[in-house]
Amino acid sequence: MSDNLAPAFTGFRTLSKAQIVSLAGADAVAFAQAQFANDVPSLADGHWQWSAWLTAKGRVLSIFQLLRVDAQTLLLICHDGGAEAMAEQLRRFVFRRKVVISHASALAVNAALDVPAAAHGAQLAQLADAVIELDVGSAEVPRTLQISSVAAAVDDTAELAWRQSDLRFGLPRLDDAQREQWTPQQLGLDRLNAYSVKKGCYPGQEIVARTHFLGKAKRSLALLECASFANSGAAVQHGESNIGTIASVAGPLALAVLPLELPEGQLLVNGEAASIQPLLEGLAR
């Protein structure tokens, strides 16, 4: 990895794009189980998992962290925003279930490139002043998130550094134009344990399970370092052929959906060289 990345920052910074959806009530877990791709009832209170919300055709609408605070309270950290729109869409499926869905706009998501004070792995930590702490890194690359009613400073450079670390871990960050474009397998969400092929029905479940059990996934995610900044949706070329598409960007880094079997030779983005870099491990929960 080159030095052409945003510098690491110290202390906590507020992630300005991250927003939170709250699901509260006796049927919160059952409702989430019917809507989202991961297995919510198997998640213990005080733990979190990666998950996704899909269209009926199995395309990813949103990738988020699902926190089971207790048996009747779930929080969804949506790193690319859209919490109000997501809450509004989810309310259409409530029917008679006992669940209240809202955009928790009073809560901030603060991030630090440091070891958590108490959280570990998928286990949350409840700190003073009702702060919820999460471990979102690894031993080699420690990272901490805190959900708090008090925001820290907003710093564009720090936010870029955080987003670049997301991409290095293989966490897709989807702009609006990239929603409803990709299956969970194409976005490599198996690396994050972000979906289940064993749970009951949810939107897109049939497509996800068929792709998994029939082994039809022909594309997945790769981390690219580009010679110049790229845009999401840009083509990845090999010679004169377009062989893939960029799904997420952060400065010179990009996550691209590419064939599992790549041809030999130089890849190009915007006519300039792009090299495949190793993805970091340790973000699965």
Protein backbone atom coordinates (compact mmCIF):
# COMPACT_ATOMS: atom_id res chain seq x y z
CA MET A 1 0.00 0.00 0.00
CA SER A 2 1.44 3.39 -0.97
CA ASP A 3 1.70 6.49 1.22
CA ASN A 4 -0.98 8.22 -0.86
CA LEU A 5 -3.61 7.72 1.86
CA ALA A 6 -5.23 10.04 4.38
CA PRO A 7 -3.13 10.18 7.58
CA ALA A 8 -4.24 8.34 10.69
CA PHE A 9 -5.93 10.53 13.29
CA THR A 10 -5.94 10.49 17.08
CA GLY A 11 -8.96 10.81 19.34
CA PHE A 12 -12.61 10.56 18.34
CA ARG A 13 -14.18 12.18 15.29
CA THR A 14 -17.84 12.20 14.34
CA LEU A 15 -18.66 10.33 11.14
CA SER A 16 -20.90 12.88 9.47
CA LYS A 17 -22.56 10.45 7.05
CA ALA A 18 -23.33 7.71 9.57
CA GLN A 19 -26.93 7.63 10.79
CA ILE A 20 -28.91 5.32 13.05
CA VAL A 21 -32.26 3.58 12.62
CA SER A 22 -33.98 2.39 15.79
CA LEU A 23 -36.36 -0.58 16.03
CA ALA A 24 -38.07 -0.79 19.40
CA GLY A 25 -40.86 -3.00 20.71
CA ALA A 26 -41.85 -6.57 21.52
CA ASP A 27 -41.69 -7.58 17.82
CA ALA A 28 -38.46 -5.74 16.91
CA VAL A 29 -36.40 -8.93 16.55
CA ALA A 30 -39.09 -10.81 14.63
CA PHE A 31 -39.58 -7.86 12.29
CA ALA A 32 -35.84 -7.55 11.63
CA GLN A 33 -35.60 -11.30 11.02
CA ALA A 34 -38.24 -11.02 8.29
CA GLN A 35 -36.60 -8.04 6.58
CA PHE A 36 -32.82 -8.34 6.86
CA ALA A 37 -30.30 -10.82 5.50
CA ASN A 38 -28.64 -11.99 8.68
CA ASP A 39 -30.01 -14.19 11.46
CA VAL A 40 -31.21 -11.79 14.15
CA PRO A 41 -32.68 -14.18 16.77
CA SER A 42 -29.34 -16.01 16.97
CA LEU A 43 -27.68 -12.75 18.03
CA ALA A 44 -27.39 -12.46 21.80
CA ASP A 45 -28.40 -9.34 23.68
CA GLY A 46 -25.47 -6.94 23.95
CA HIS A 47 -23.93 -8.09 20.65
CA TRP A 48 -23.86 -6.88 17.05
CA GLN A 49 -23.52 -8.27 13.54
CA TRP A 50 -23.14 -7.03 9.99
CA SER A 51 -26.31 -7.26 7.96
CA ALA A 52 -27.96 -6.01 4.78
CA TRP A 53 -31.35 -5.07 3.45
CA LEU A 54 -32.05 -6.44 -0.03
CA THR A 55 -34.56 -5.97 -2.80
CA ALA A 56 -36.79 -8.88 -3.84
CA LYS A 57 -34.28 -9.52 -6.63
CA GLY A 58 -31.47 -9.98 -4.12
CA ARG A 59 -29.75 -6.64 -4.74
CA VAL A 60 -28.24 -4.73 -1.83
CA LEU A 61 -30.11 -1.62 -0.69
CA SER A 62 -28.10 -1.02 2.47
CA ILE A 63 -25.24 -2.53 4.48
CA PHE A 64 -25.24 -1.80 8.20
CA GLN A 65 -24.26 -2.86 11.67
CA LEU A 66 -27.20 -4.34 13.56
CA LEU A 67 -26.92 -3.96 17.33
CA ARG A 68 -29.13 -6.04 19.61
CA VAL A 69 -29.05 -3.80 22.65
CA ASP A 70 -31.66 -5.94 24.39
CA ALA A 71 -34.60 -8.21 23.50
CA GLN A 72 -36.77 -5.27 22.40
CA THR A 73 -34.23 -2.74 21.10
CA LEU A 74 -32.23 -2.88 17.87
CA LEU A 75 -30.04 -0.13 16.43
CA LEU A 76 -28.86 -0.06 12.81
CA ILE A 77 -25.73 1.97 12.05
CA CYS A 78 -26.04 3.05 8.42
CA HIS A 79 -22.62 4.35 7.46
CA ASP A 80 -23.76 5.91 4.22
CA GLY A 81 -26.77 7.72 5.65
CA GLY A 82 -30.31 7.32 4.38
CA ALA A 83 -31.73 6.51 7.83
CA GLU A 84 -34.93 8.55 7.43
CA ALA A 85 -35.72 7.06 4.02
CA MET A 86 -34.95 3.54 5.28
CA ALA A 87 -37.14 3.99 8.35
CA GLU A 88 -40.00 5.26 6.20
CA GLN A 89 -39.75 2.30 3.83
CA LEU A 90 -39.55 -0.22 6.67
CA ARG A 91 -42.69 1.19 8.29
CA ARG A 92 -44.67 0.02 5.26
CA PHE A 93 -44.07 -3.59 6.32
CA VAL A 94 -44.95 -3.25 10.02
CA PHE A 95 -48.66 -4.15 9.69
CA ARG A 96 -49.75 -5.32 13.14
CA ARG A 97 -46.32 -6.03 14.58
CA LYS A 98 -45.45 -4.27 17.82
CA VAL A 99 -42.43 -2.30 16.66
CA VAL A 100 -41.67 1.41 16.37
CA ILE A 101 -39.18 2.35 13.66
CA SER A 102 -37.47 5.73 13.71
CA HIS A 103 -34.42 7.68 12.61
CA ALA A 104 -32.49 8.20 15.86
CA SER A 105 -31.29 11.63 14.78
CA ALA A 106 -30.22 12.63 18.31
CA LEU A 107 -27.45 10.02 18.31
CA ALA A 108 -23.97 10.58 16.83
CA VAL A 109 -21.50 7.94 15.63
CA ASN A 110 -17.97 8.78 16.79
CA ALA A 111 -14.91 6.91 15.52
CA ALA A 112 -11.33 6.43 16.68
CA LEU A 113 -8.39 4.51 15.25
CA ASP A 114 -7.68 3.02 18.65
CA VAL A 115 -8.31 -0.03 20.83
CA PRO A 116 -11.79 -0.07 22.45
CA ALA A 117 -11.95 0.59 26.18
CA ALA A 118 -14.25 -2.37 26.89
CA ALA A 119 -15.95 -3.74 23.75
CA HIS A 120 -14.48 -6.84 22.16
CA GLY A 121 -15.37 -8.61 18.95
CA ALA A 122 -19.13 -8.71 18.55
CA GLN A 123 -19.80 -7.82 22.19
CA LEU A 124 -20.98 -4.28 22.89
CA ALA A 125 -19.90 -2.28 25.91
CA GLN A 126 -22.15 0.09 27.82
CA LEU A 127 -20.02 3.01 28.99
CA ALA A 128 -20.84 6.00 31.16
CA ASP A 129 -23.41 8.56 29.97
CA ALA A 130 -25.31 5.89 27.98
CA VAL A 131 -22.48 5.57 25.43
CA ILE A 132 -22.43 2.29 23.48
CA GLU A 133 -18.98 1.17 22.35
CA LEU A 134 -18.18 -1.23 19.48
CA ASP A 135 -15.01 -3.00 18.40
CA VAL A 136 -14.83 -2.53 14.62
CA GLY A 137 -11.21 -3.39 13.97
CA SER A 138 -8.64 -6.12 14.47
CA ALA A 139 -5.56 -6.67 16.59
CA GLU A 140 -3.41 -5.33 13.73
CA VAL A 141 -5.71 -2.40 12.85
CA PRO A 142 -7.67 -1.38 15.97
CA ARG A 143 -10.78 0.76 15.48
CA THR A 144 -13.53 1.87 17.83
CA LEU A 145 -17.03 3.26 17.34
CA GLN A 146 -19.10 4.96 20.02
CA ILE A 147 -22.80 5.79 19.79
CA SER A 148 -23.41 8.87 21.88
CA SER A 149 -25.79 11.77 22.33
CA VAL A 150 -22.70 14.01 22.21
CA ALA A 151 -20.96 14.54 18.86
CA ALA A 152 -17.20 14.90 18.56
CA ALA A 153 -15.47 17.16 16.05
CA VAL A 154 -16.09 16.62 12.33
CA ASP A 155 -12.90 16.37 10.30
CA ASP A 156 -13.00 15.66 6.55
CA THR A 157 -9.45 14.25 6.51
CA ALA A 158 -10.19 11.94 9.43
CA GLU A 159 -13.43 10.82 7.81
CA LEU A 160 -11.55 9.97 4.61
CA ALA A 161 -9.00 7.98 6.62
CA TRP A 162 -11.85 6.04 8.26
CA ARG A 163 -13.55 5.36 4.95
CA GLN A 164 -10.24 4.15 3.48
CA SER A 165 -9.83 1.77 6.41
CA ASP A 166 -13.37 0.48 5.73
CA LEU A 167 -12.41 -0.30 2.14
CA ARG A 168 -9.17 -1.94 3.21
CA PHE A 169 -11.24 -4.31 5.39
CA GLY A 170 -13.53 -5.02 2.43
CA LEU A 171 -16.52 -3.11 3.81
CA PRO A 172 -18.44 -1.67 0.82
CA ARG A 173 -19.54 1.95 1.19
CA LEU A 174 -22.37 2.47 -1.28
CA ASP A 175 -23.22 5.79 -2.88
CA ASP A 176 -26.86 6.18 -3.94
CA ALA A 177 -26.06 5.21 -7.53
CA GLN A 178 -24.60 1.87 -6.36
CA ARG A 179 -27.64 0.76 -4.37
CA GLU A 180 -29.72 -2.03 -5.96
CA GLN A 181 -26.82 -2.92 -8.26
CA TRP A 182 -25.09 -5.83 -6.54
CA THR A 183 -25.82 -9.12 -4.82
CA PRO A 184 -24.31 -9.81 -1.38
CA GLN A 185 -21.90 -12.31 -2.95
CA GLN A 186 -20.70 -9.78 -5.52
CA LEU A 187 -19.96 -7.34 -2.70
CA GLY A 188 -18.10 -9.99 -0.73
CA LEU A 189 -20.45 -9.77 2.24
CA ASP A 190 -19.62 -13.38 3.09
CA ARG A 191 -16.27 -12.03 4.36
CA LEU A 192 -18.21 -10.08 6.98
CA ASN A 193 -20.67 -12.89 7.83
CA ALA A 194 -23.32 -10.36 6.83
CA TYR A 195 -25.96 -12.74 5.49
CA SER A 196 -27.44 -16.13 6.25
CA VAL A 197 -28.32 -18.90 3.81
CA LYS A 198 -30.00 -21.00 6.51
CA LYS A 199 -32.60 -18.66 8.03
CA GLY A 200 -36.16 -18.32 6.81
CA CYS A 201 -37.55 -16.01 4.19
CA TYR A 202 -36.52 -12.40 3.76
CA PRO A 203 -36.48 -10.16 0.66
CA GLY A 204 -33.97 -11.59 -1.84
CA GLN A 205 -33.38 -14.78 0.17
CA GLU A 206 -34.12 -17.10 -2.74
CA ILE A 207 -31.53 -15.40 -4.97
CA VAL A 208 -28.89 -15.41 -2.22
CA ALA A 209 -29.45 -19.07 -1.36
CA ARG A 210 -29.53 -20.20 -5.00
CA THR A 211 -26.27 -18.41 -5.75
CA HIS A 212 -24.67 -19.91 -2.67
CA PHE A 213 -25.78 -23.52 -3.03
CA LEU A 214 -25.45 -23.74 -6.82
CA GLY A 215 -22.06 -22.03 -6.81
CA LYS A 216 -23.09 -19.48 -9.43
CA ALA A 217 -21.13 -16.53 -8.04
CA LYS A 218 -18.71 -15.50 -10.79
CA ARG A 219 -17.70 -12.10 -9.42
CA SER A 220 -16.62 -10.73 -6.08
CA LEU A 221 -14.93 -7.78 -4.45
CA ALA A 222 -11.33 -6.68 -4.91
CA LEU A 223 -9.42 -3.75 -3.44
CA LEU A 224 -7.75 -1.53 -6.01
CA GLU A 225 -5.21 1.23 -5.59
CA CYS A 226 -5.66 3.62 -8.50
CA ALA A 227 -3.15 6.00 -10.02
CA SER A 228 -5.78 8.74 -9.82
CA PHE A 229 -9.05 9.20 -7.98
CA ALA A 230 -11.92 7.24 -9.49
CA ASN A 231 -15.68 7.49 -9.22
CA SER A 232 -18.11 4.80 -8.18
CA GLY A 233 -19.63 3.22 -11.26
CA ALA A 234 -16.45 3.64 -13.30
CA ALA A 235 -15.35 0.73 -15.48
CA VAL A 236 -12.31 -1.42 -14.72
CA GLN A 237 -10.59 -2.30 -17.95
CA HIS A 238 -8.20 -4.96 -19.13
CA GLY A 239 -6.87 -4.00 -22.52
CA GLU A 240 -9.86 -2.81 -24.54
CA SER A 241 -12.41 -4.73 -22.50
CA ASN A 242 -14.47 -3.61 -19.52
CA ILE A 243 -14.21 -6.46 -17.04
CA GLY A 244 -15.58 -4.90 -13.85
CA THR A 245 -17.09 -1.91 -12.09
CA ILE A 246 -16.04 0.21 -9.14
CA ALA A 247 -18.61 0.02 -6.33
CA SER A 248 -16.93 2.15 -3.62
CA VAL A 249 -14.23 4.82 -3.57
CA ALA A 250 -12.11 6.62 -0.97
CA GLY A 251 -9.38 8.75 -2.49
CA PRO A 252 -7.07 6.48 -4.51
CA LEU A 253 -8.62 3.32 -3.04
CA ALA A 254 -11.58 1.56 -4.60
CA LEU A 255 -13.57 -1.62 -4.11
CA ALA A 256 -14.40 -3.13 -7.48
CA VAL A 257 -16.63 -6.02 -8.50
CA LEU A 258 -14.38 -8.16 -10.69
CA PRO A 259 -14.42 -11.69 -12.15
CA LEU A 260 -13.19 -14.37 -9.78
CA GLU A 261 -10.78 -15.45 -12.51
CA LEU A 262 -8.87 -12.40 -13.67
CA PRO A 263 -6.81 -12.31 -16.86
CA GLU A 264 -3.12 -11.59 -16.52
CA GLY A 265 -1.89 -8.09 -17.21
CA GLN A 266 -2.45 -4.51 -16.17
CA LEU A 267 -5.85 -3.27 -15.00
CA LEU A 268 -6.90 0.27 -15.87
CA VAL A 269 -9.32 2.76 -14.35
CA ASN A 270 -9.90 6.00 -16.26
CA GLY A 271 -7.10 4.91 -18.58
CA GLU A 272 -4.55 4.78 -15.74
CA ALA A 273 -2.99 1.87 -13.89
CA ALA A 274 -4.80 0.21 -11.00
CA SER A 275 -3.24 -2.51 -8.86
CA ILE A 276 -4.97 -5.14 -6.73
CA GLN A 277 -4.12 -4.91 -3.03
CA PRO A 278 -4.73 -7.49 -0.27
CA LEU A 279 -7.86 -7.04 1.84
CA LEU A 280 -7.46 -6.90 5.60
CA GLU A 281 -9.00 -9.66 7.69
CA GLY A 282 -10.64 -9.33 11.08
CA LEU A 283 -13.84 -7.35 10.51
CA ALA A 284 -16.21 -10.34 10.42
CA ARG A 285 -18.48 -10.64 13.44
